[in-house]
Protein backbone atom coordinates (compact mmCIF):
# COMPACT_ATOMS: atom_id res chain seq x y z
CA MET A 1 0.00 0.00 0.00
CA SER A 2 1.16 3.53 -0.78
CA THR A 3 2.58 5.45 2.15
CA ASP A 4 1.80 8.87 0.62
CA ARG A 5 -0.36 10.86 2.99
CA ILE A 6 -3.96 11.48 1.95
CA ILE A 7 -5.03 14.83 3.33
CA PHE A 8 -8.61 15.59 4.28
CA SER A 9 -9.17 18.52 1.90
CA ARG A 10 -7.29 20.33 -0.85
CA PRO A 11 -8.42 23.62 -2.46
CA TYR A 12 -9.34 23.32 -6.12
CA ARG A 13 -7.28 25.21 -8.71
CA ALA A 14 -9.50 26.64 -11.43
CA ALA A 15 -8.32 26.94 -15.01
CA ARG A 16 -8.58 30.72 -15.32
CA GLU A 17 -7.43 31.84 -11.87
CA LEU A 18 -4.01 33.16 -12.93
CA ALA A 19 -5.34 34.80 -16.08
CA ASN A 20 -8.07 36.53 -14.09
CA LEU A 21 -5.60 37.70 -11.45
CA GLU A 22 -3.27 39.03 -14.13
CA ALA A 23 -6.18 40.93 -15.67
CA VAL A 24 -6.89 42.61 -12.33
CA LEU A 25 -3.25 43.41 -11.61
CA SER A 26 -2.82 44.87 -15.09
CA SER A 27 -5.86 47.11 -14.67
CA ASP A 28 -6.47 50.19 -12.55
CA HIS A 29 -9.21 48.50 -10.53
CA SER A 30 -8.15 46.09 -7.81
CA HIS A 31 -10.61 47.30 -5.15
CA GLY A 32 -14.10 45.81 -4.96
CA ASP A 33 -17.15 46.01 -7.22
CA GLY A 34 -15.29 45.71 -10.52
CA PRO A 35 -15.97 43.47 -13.53
CA PHE A 36 -15.04 40.21 -11.79
CA THR A 37 -17.31 41.03 -8.85
CA ALA A 38 -20.14 41.53 -11.35
CA ALA A 39 -19.32 38.33 -13.24
CA ALA A 40 -19.03 36.17 -10.12
CA THR A 41 -22.26 37.64 -8.72
CA ALA A 42 -24.12 36.80 -11.93
CA ARG A 43 -22.86 33.21 -11.77
CA LEU A 44 -23.98 32.95 -8.13
CA LYS A 45 -27.46 34.22 -8.93
CA HIS A 46 -27.71 31.64 -11.70
CA ILE A 47 -26.69 28.75 -9.43
CA THR A 48 -28.82 29.79 -6.44
CA GLY A 49 -31.82 31.33 -8.15
CA ALA A 50 -31.54 34.28 -5.74
CA PRO A 51 -32.68 37.60 -7.25
CA HIS A 52 -30.07 39.46 -5.21
CA ALA A 53 -26.51 38.50 -4.24
CA LEU A 54 -23.65 40.48 -2.73
CA LEU A 55 -20.10 39.18 -2.40
CA THR A 56 -18.57 39.58 1.05
CA THR A 57 -15.17 39.05 2.62
CA SER A 58 -16.35 35.90 4.45
CA CYS A 59 -19.42 33.89 5.40
CA THR A 60 -18.92 35.24 8.92
CA HIS A 61 -19.33 38.75 7.55
CA ALA A 62 -22.37 37.68 5.54
CA LEU A 63 -23.93 36.45 8.80
CA GLU A 64 -22.97 39.69 10.53
CA MET A 65 -24.76 41.55 7.75
CA ALA A 66 -27.82 39.38 8.37
CA GLY A 67 -27.77 40.47 12.01
CA LEU A 68 -27.55 44.12 10.97
CA LEU A 69 -30.31 43.76 8.36
CA LEU A 70 -32.63 42.17 10.93
CA GLU A 71 -31.73 44.89 13.45
CA LEU A 72 -30.91 42.38 16.16
CA GLY A 73 -30.12 43.76 19.58
CA PRO A 74 -29.76 42.94 23.28
CA ASP A 75 -33.49 42.31 23.74
CA ASP A 76 -33.56 39.66 21.02
CA GLU A 77 -32.96 35.93 20.89
CA VAL A 78 -31.83 33.86 17.91
CA ILE A 79 -32.31 30.10 17.90
CA VAL A 80 -29.05 28.51 16.77
CA PRO A 81 -28.12 24.84 16.32
CA SER A 82 -25.56 23.78 18.91
CA PHE A 83 -23.80 21.68 16.27
CA ALA A 84 -22.36 24.49 14.18
CA PHE A 85 -19.23 26.49 13.46
CA THR A 86 -18.57 29.35 15.85
CA SER A 87 -19.39 32.03 13.24
CA THR A 88 -23.03 30.92 13.24
CA ALA A 89 -23.40 32.04 16.84
CA THR A 90 -20.80 34.78 17.20
CA ALA A 91 -22.29 36.83 14.34
CA MET A 92 -25.55 36.98 16.32
CA ALA A 93 -23.87 37.57 19.68
CA LEU A 94 -21.92 40.45 18.15
CA ARG A 95 -25.23 42.32 17.83
CA GLY A 96 -25.94 41.72 21.52
CA ALA A 97 -28.59 39.08 20.80
CA THR A 98 -28.77 35.96 22.97
CA CYS A 99 -28.01 32.68 21.21
CA VAL A 100 -30.57 30.06 22.24
CA PHE A 101 -29.05 26.67 21.45
CA ALA A 102 -31.29 23.99 20.00
CA ASP A 103 -30.66 20.32 19.29
CA ILE A 104 -30.18 18.61 15.94
CA ASP A 105 -31.74 15.65 14.13
CA GLU A 106 -30.06 12.44 13.02
CA ARG A 107 -28.48 14.16 9.98
CA GLY A 108 -26.89 16.98 11.96
CA ASN A 109 -29.50 19.59 11.03
CA LEU A 110 -31.61 21.79 13.28
CA ASP A 111 -34.46 19.82 14.88
CA ALA A 112 -37.88 21.47 14.52
CA ASP A 113 -39.22 20.11 17.82
CA SER A 114 -36.25 21.58 19.66
CA VAL A 115 -36.82 24.90 17.89
CA ALA A 116 -40.51 24.94 18.82
CA ALA A 117 -39.63 24.36 22.46
CA ALA A 118 -37.10 27.21 22.42
CA ILE A 119 -39.32 29.98 21.02
CA THR A 120 -40.17 32.82 23.43
CA GLU A 121 -41.60 36.32 23.07
CA ARG A 122 -38.00 37.53 22.58
CA THR A 123 -37.24 35.21 19.67
CA LYS A 124 -36.56 37.16 16.48
CA ALA A 125 -34.88 34.66 14.14
CA ILE A 126 -34.08 31.02 13.51
CA MET A 127 -30.64 30.10 12.18
CA VAL A 128 -30.58 27.06 9.89
CA ILE A 129 -27.51 25.15 8.70
CA HIS A 130 -27.71 22.65 5.86
CA TYR A 131 -25.07 20.35 7.30
CA GLY A 132 -22.84 18.68 4.73
CA GLY A 133 -24.87 20.30 1.97
CA VAL A 134 -28.03 18.31 2.81
CA ALA A 135 -31.08 20.48 3.39
CA ALA A 136 -32.69 20.70 6.81
CA GLU A 137 -36.39 19.85 7.34
CA MET A 138 -37.44 23.17 5.87
CA ASP A 139 -41.19 22.56 5.79
CA ARG A 140 -41.52 22.48 9.58
CA LEU A 141 -38.92 25.20 10.16
CA LEU A 142 -40.60 27.53 7.66
CA ALA A 143 -43.97 26.82 9.26
CA LEU A 144 -42.60 27.74 12.70
CA ALA A 145 -41.03 30.93 11.37
CA ASP A 146 -44.28 31.91 9.64
CA ALA A 147 -46.48 31.09 12.65
CA HIS A 148 -44.38 33.20 15.01
CA GLY A 149 -43.37 35.99 12.62
CA LEU A 150 -39.67 35.08 12.74
CA ALA A 151 -36.89 35.63 10.22
CA LEU A 152 -35.15 32.53 8.95
CA ILE A 153 -31.41 32.84 8.28
CA GLU A 154 -29.75 30.16 6.15
CA ASP A 155 -26.10 29.56 7.00
CA ASN A 156 -25.48 27.84 3.68
CA ALA A 157 -21.70 27.49 3.98
CA HIS A 158 -21.92 23.84 2.87
CA GLY A 159 -24.82 24.04 0.45
CA LEU A 160 -23.97 25.93 -2.76
CA GLY A 161 -25.74 24.04 -5.55
CA GLY A 162 -27.93 21.98 -3.22
CA SER A 163 -31.71 22.07 -3.12
CA TRP A 164 -34.78 21.15 -1.07
CA ARG A 165 -37.81 20.04 -3.09
CA GLY A 166 -36.35 21.83 -6.10
CA ARG A 167 -35.69 25.10 -4.25
CA PRO A 168 -32.01 26.13 -4.18
CA LEU A 169 -30.45 26.28 -0.73
CA GLY A 170 -29.57 29.75 0.48
CA SER A 171 -32.52 31.42 -1.24
CA ILE A 172 -35.35 29.87 0.80
CA GLY A 173 -35.15 31.94 3.98
CA THR A 174 -35.10 35.66 4.73
CA VAL A 175 -31.32 35.93 4.32
CA GLY A 176 -28.81 33.38 3.01
CA ALA A 177 -25.06 33.28 3.65
CA LEU A 178 -22.44 31.47 1.59
CA SER A 179 -18.81 30.62 2.30
CA PHE A 180 -15.88 30.64 -0.12
CA HIS A 181 -13.24 29.63 2.41
CA ASP A 182 -10.66 27.32 0.85
CA THR A 183 -12.20 24.28 2.56
CA LYS A 184 -15.45 24.79 0.62
CA ASN A 185 -16.40 23.35 -2.77
CA VAL A 186 -15.86 26.74 -4.41
CA HIS A 187 -13.37 29.14 -2.86
CA CYS A 188 -11.31 32.29 -3.18
CA GLY A 189 -9.13 31.68 -0.15
CA GLU A 190 -11.46 33.69 2.09
CA GLY A 191 -14.82 34.98 0.94
CA GLY A 192 -18.57 34.77 1.21
CA ALA A 193 -21.87 36.15 -0.08
CA VAL A 194 -25.26 37.35 1.08
CA LEU A 195 -28.34 36.10 -0.79
CA LEU A 196 -31.61 38.04 -0.59
CA THR A 197 -35.06 37.87 -2.12
CA ASP A 198 -36.42 41.12 -0.64
CA GLU A 199 -35.80 44.34 -2.60
CA ILE A 200 -35.93 46.57 0.48
CA LEU A 201 -33.42 44.43 2.40
CA MET A 202 -31.19 44.43 -0.67
CA GLY A 203 -31.12 48.24 -0.75
CA ARG A 204 -30.04 48.39 2.88
CA ALA A 205 -27.57 45.52 2.42
CA GLU A 206 -25.73 47.48 -0.27
CA ILE A 207 -25.29 50.34 2.18
CA ILE A 208 -24.22 48.15 5.11
CA ARG A 209 -21.67 46.37 2.91
CA GLU A 210 -20.11 49.68 1.75
CA LYS A 211 -19.22 51.18 5.15
CA GLY A 212 -22.72 52.58 5.58
CA THR A 213 -22.60 54.63 2.37
CA ASP A 214 -24.68 54.66 -0.81
CA ARG A 215 -21.58 54.16 -2.96
CA ALA A 216 -23.26 51.31 -4.90
CA ARG A 217 -25.96 53.73 -6.07
CA PHE A 218 -23.28 56.24 -7.00
CA LEU A 219 -21.45 53.66 -9.12
CA ARG A 220 -24.73 52.92 -10.94
CA GLY A 221 -25.23 56.64 -11.60
CA ALA A 222 -28.33 56.84 -9.39
CA VAL A 223 -26.83 59.69 -7.30
CA ASP A 224 -24.15 62.27 -8.12
CA LYS A 225 -22.18 61.65 -4.91
CA TYR A 226 -22.22 59.18 -2.08
CA SER A 227 -22.45 59.85 1.64
CA TRP A 228 -22.89 58.16 5.00
CA GLN A 229 -26.39 56.74 5.18
CA ASP A 230 -26.45 54.02 7.87
CA ILE A 231 -24.31 51.81 10.06
CA GLY A 232 -22.14 49.34 8.19
CA SER A 233 -18.64 48.05 7.75
CA SER A 234 -16.11 47.08 5.10
CA TYR A 235 -17.64 43.82 3.90
CA LEU A 236 -16.70 44.24 0.24
CA PRO A 237 -13.99 41.88 -1.12
CA SER A 238 -11.31 43.06 -3.51
CA GLU A 239 -11.32 42.31 -7.23
CA LEU A 240 -8.45 39.88 -6.62
CA ASN A 241 -10.74 37.67 -4.52
CA ALA A 242 -13.56 38.09 -7.00
CA ALA A 243 -11.27 37.15 -9.90
CA VAL A 244 -10.41 33.82 -8.25
CA LEU A 245 -14.03 33.22 -7.31
CA ASP A 246 -15.24 33.88 -10.84
CA ALA A 247 -12.75 31.32 -12.18
CA GLN A 248 -13.93 28.80 -9.59
CA LEU A 249 -17.60 29.35 -10.39
CA ALA A 250 -16.85 28.94 -14.09
CA ASP A 251 -15.56 25.45 -13.22
CA PHE A 252 -18.47 24.67 -10.87
CA ASP A 253 -19.73 21.64 -12.81
CA THR A 254 -16.22 20.17 -13.00
CA ILE A 255 -15.68 20.71 -9.27
CA GLN A 256 -18.97 19.06 -8.39
CA ALA A 257 -18.37 16.11 -10.72
CA GLY A 258 -15.06 15.38 -9.01
CA ARG A 259 -16.55 15.59 -5.54
CA PHE A 260 -19.53 13.41 -6.45
CA ARG A 261 -17.20 10.79 -7.95
CA ALA A 262 -15.54 10.36 -4.55
CA TRP A 263 -18.79 10.72 -2.57
CA ASN A 264 -20.59 8.12 -4.66
CA ALA A 265 -17.68 5.70 -4.37
CA TYR A 266 -17.82 5.89 -0.56
CA ALA A 267 -21.60 5.53 -0.56
CA ALA A 268 -21.42 2.42 -2.79
CA ALA A 269 -18.54 0.67 -1.02
CA LEU A 270 -19.24 1.13 2.70
CA PRO A 271 -22.81 -0.07 3.50
CA ASP A 272 -21.96 -3.76 4.10
CA TRP A 273 -19.05 -2.87 6.37
CA ALA A 274 -21.22 -0.32 8.18
CA ARG A 275 -23.96 -2.85 8.88
CA ARG A 276 -21.49 -5.37 10.26
CA ASN A 277 -19.93 -2.78 12.56
CA ASP A 278 -23.00 -0.84 13.72
CA VAL A 279 -21.81 2.28 11.88
CA ARG A 280 -24.26 4.84 10.49
CA LEU A 281 -23.48 6.35 7.09
CA MET A 282 -24.45 9.74 5.72
CA GLN A 283 -27.92 9.63 4.14
CA VAL A 284 -29.67 12.02 1.73
CA PRO A 285 -33.50 12.10 1.61
CA THR A 286 -35.01 11.71 -1.85
CA ASP A 287 -36.54 15.20 -1.87
CA ARG A 288 -33.10 16.84 -1.53
CA GLU A 289 -30.11 17.38 -3.82
CA HIS A 290 -26.89 17.47 -1.83
CA THR A 291 -23.56 19.09 -2.70
CA ALA A 292 -21.00 16.37 -1.93
CA HIS A 293 -19.40 18.78 0.51
CA LEU A 294 -18.81 16.06 3.11
CA TYR A 295 -18.96 12.32 3.42
CA TYR A 296 -19.25 11.31 7.05
CA LEU A 297 -19.93 8.22 9.08
CA ARG A 298 -20.89 7.75 12.71
CA THR A 299 -19.37 5.13 14.96
CA PRO A 300 -21.22 3.44 17.86
CA THR A 301 -19.28 5.33 20.55
CA GLU A 302 -16.75 8.13 20.97
CA ARG A 303 -14.05 5.59 21.76
CA HIS A 304 -14.71 3.84 18.45
CA ARG A 305 -14.53 7.21 16.70
CA ASP A 306 -11.13 7.95 18.18
CA ASP A 307 -9.93 4.43 17.39
CA LEU A 308 -11.03 4.77 13.75
CA ILE A 309 -9.34 8.16 13.38
CA ASP A 310 -6.13 6.70 14.87
CA HIS A 311 -6.40 3.64 12.60
CA LEU A 312 -6.70 5.83 9.49
CA ARG A 313 -3.91 8.16 10.66
CA ALA A 314 -1.58 5.17 11.04
CA GLN A 315 -2.19 4.44 7.36
CA GLY A 316 -1.47 8.01 6.29
CA ILE A 317 -5.09 9.13 5.97
CA SER A 318 -6.47 12.28 7.59
CA ALA A 319 -10.10 11.85 8.69
CA PRO A 320 -11.14 14.39 11.36
CA PHE A 321 -14.22 14.80 13.49
CA HIS A 322 -16.00 18.17 13.31
CA TYR A 323 -17.62 20.81 15.51
CA VAL A 324 -17.44 20.89 19.28
CA PRO A 325 -21.00 21.64 20.54
CA LEU A 326 -21.55 25.35 21.04
CA ASP A 327 -23.88 25.03 24.02
CA SER A 328 -21.10 23.61 26.22
CA SER A 329 -18.32 25.89 24.93
CA PRO A 330 -16.97 28.72 27.14
CA ALA A 331 -18.45 31.42 24.91
CA GLY A 332 -21.71 29.53 24.53
CA LEU A 333 -22.14 29.34 28.29
CA LYS A 334 -21.47 33.08 28.57
CA LEU A 335 -23.32 34.44 25.53
CA GLY A 336 -26.19 32.01 25.13
CA ARG A 337 -28.59 29.73 26.90
CA THR A 338 -29.76 26.17 26.38
CA PRO A 339 -33.38 25.66 27.43
CA HIS A 340 -33.27 21.90 26.87
CA PRO A 341 -30.27 19.52 26.80
CA CYS A 342 -28.76 19.07 23.33
CA THR A 343 -28.27 15.34 23.73
CA ARG A 344 -28.29 14.45 20.03
CA THR A 345 -25.74 17.18 19.38
CA ALA A 346 -23.36 15.66 21.94
CA GLU A 347 -23.82 12.18 20.50
CA PHE A 348 -23.43 13.35 16.90
CA ALA A 349 -20.29 15.37 17.65
CA GLY A 350 -18.77 12.50 19.63
CA THR A 351 -19.23 9.82 16.98
CA LEU A 352 -18.64 11.67 13.69
CA VAL A 353 -15.75 10.95 11.30
CA ARG A 354 -15.33 12.76 7.97
CA LEU A 355 -13.53 11.03 5.11
CA PRO A 356 -11.16 12.80 2.69
CA LEU A 357 -13.10 14.53 -0.09
CA TRP A 358 -11.89 16.97 -2.75
CA PRO A 359 -12.38 17.19 -6.54
CA ASP A 360 -8.96 15.88 -7.58
CA LEU A 361 -8.90 12.97 -5.14
CA SER A 362 -7.86 10.10 -7.43
CA ASP A 363 -9.71 6.81 -7.80
CA ALA A 364 -6.67 5.06 -6.32
CA GLN A 365 -6.74 7.36 -3.28
CA VAL A 366 -10.46 6.80 -2.81
CA ALA A 367 -9.92 3.04 -3.01
CA ARG A 368 -7.15 3.29 -0.44
CA VAL A 369 -9.42 5.17 1.96
CA ILE A 370 -12.16 2.59 1.46
CA ASP A 371 -9.72 -0.28 2.08
CA ALA A 372 -8.48 1.37 5.25
CA VAL A 373 -11.97 2.05 6.57
CA THR A 374 -13.26 -1.45 5.84
CA ASP A 375 -10.18 -2.94 7.50
CA PHE A 376 -11.33 -1.39 10.78
CA ARG A 377 -13.41 -3.51 13.14
CA VAL A 378 -15.60 -2.12 15.88
């Protein structure tokens, strides 16, 4: 067996990245909102079906913009899944809102019953993550949001190109946020985007993104000068980031094909081994299109998880676990509250193993991972 190390993730290199970067560096426009920002934004709107999209410097900043757009403050609560990246919660806490941690379902997505039990008169929004690029149970979550007059924020860092019942992820809720960090399917090193369907929110989002000014209207010729209009920050990425992102989005189908090749190979090869060893594999409901962002499995216990990770590491394969539950973290205990124990979150986090997955992972590397996994016995 080869002793070359198989890393967990490797950023994709798009065909036109260097040419796009050279075009920016040879121009007089390397700050934001240039031609590559426009091109990448158009590609995003095509993929997501969102009528409005704004590139940002990160998904974290896109979530911060969501907090500003919804005018969250110290009197407000936002229901957040405990199984999430820190940005999901900290972007809400930054506005002074209290994060109310809710439990997840068997696929790692926000559980509607837990959300229903967490709603109070202070609740202003529900934060939804489509974990691994598989949509959450949006019918029940949308019904809860509608019944209680709540905003629904989609943290769609994993879900570009995915859908729920034919509706593209990120454009279902009030505000959607995307990530283009280099661990994501499509990346520009660091980057993100806000997706919106509401024209009024879009007008304010442009101002928030441009340091609180109406510079976007000025660039369109709608006003003869721009001035300070509202609170905001510098959420606009440079043309250098946009140039890389545009090249990545141009290769979107190629990227996805490579990821699905590996994902499908895991899904076809591991079920018999999983049944024999009481291991649960990642599942995708038939009414959802996933994004092949992750392929994970769940071991019977945390000890088995650690043993499997050690077993794969000994064979030169990196297969990490994922988030540490937010409700029990130091910041979560200080900045949030947990009305009911997040028991499924703790179990999910303690038994999860993610297998290597990136577009250029070779068939031989995939086979080596499969051989190593199936050589493990619980």
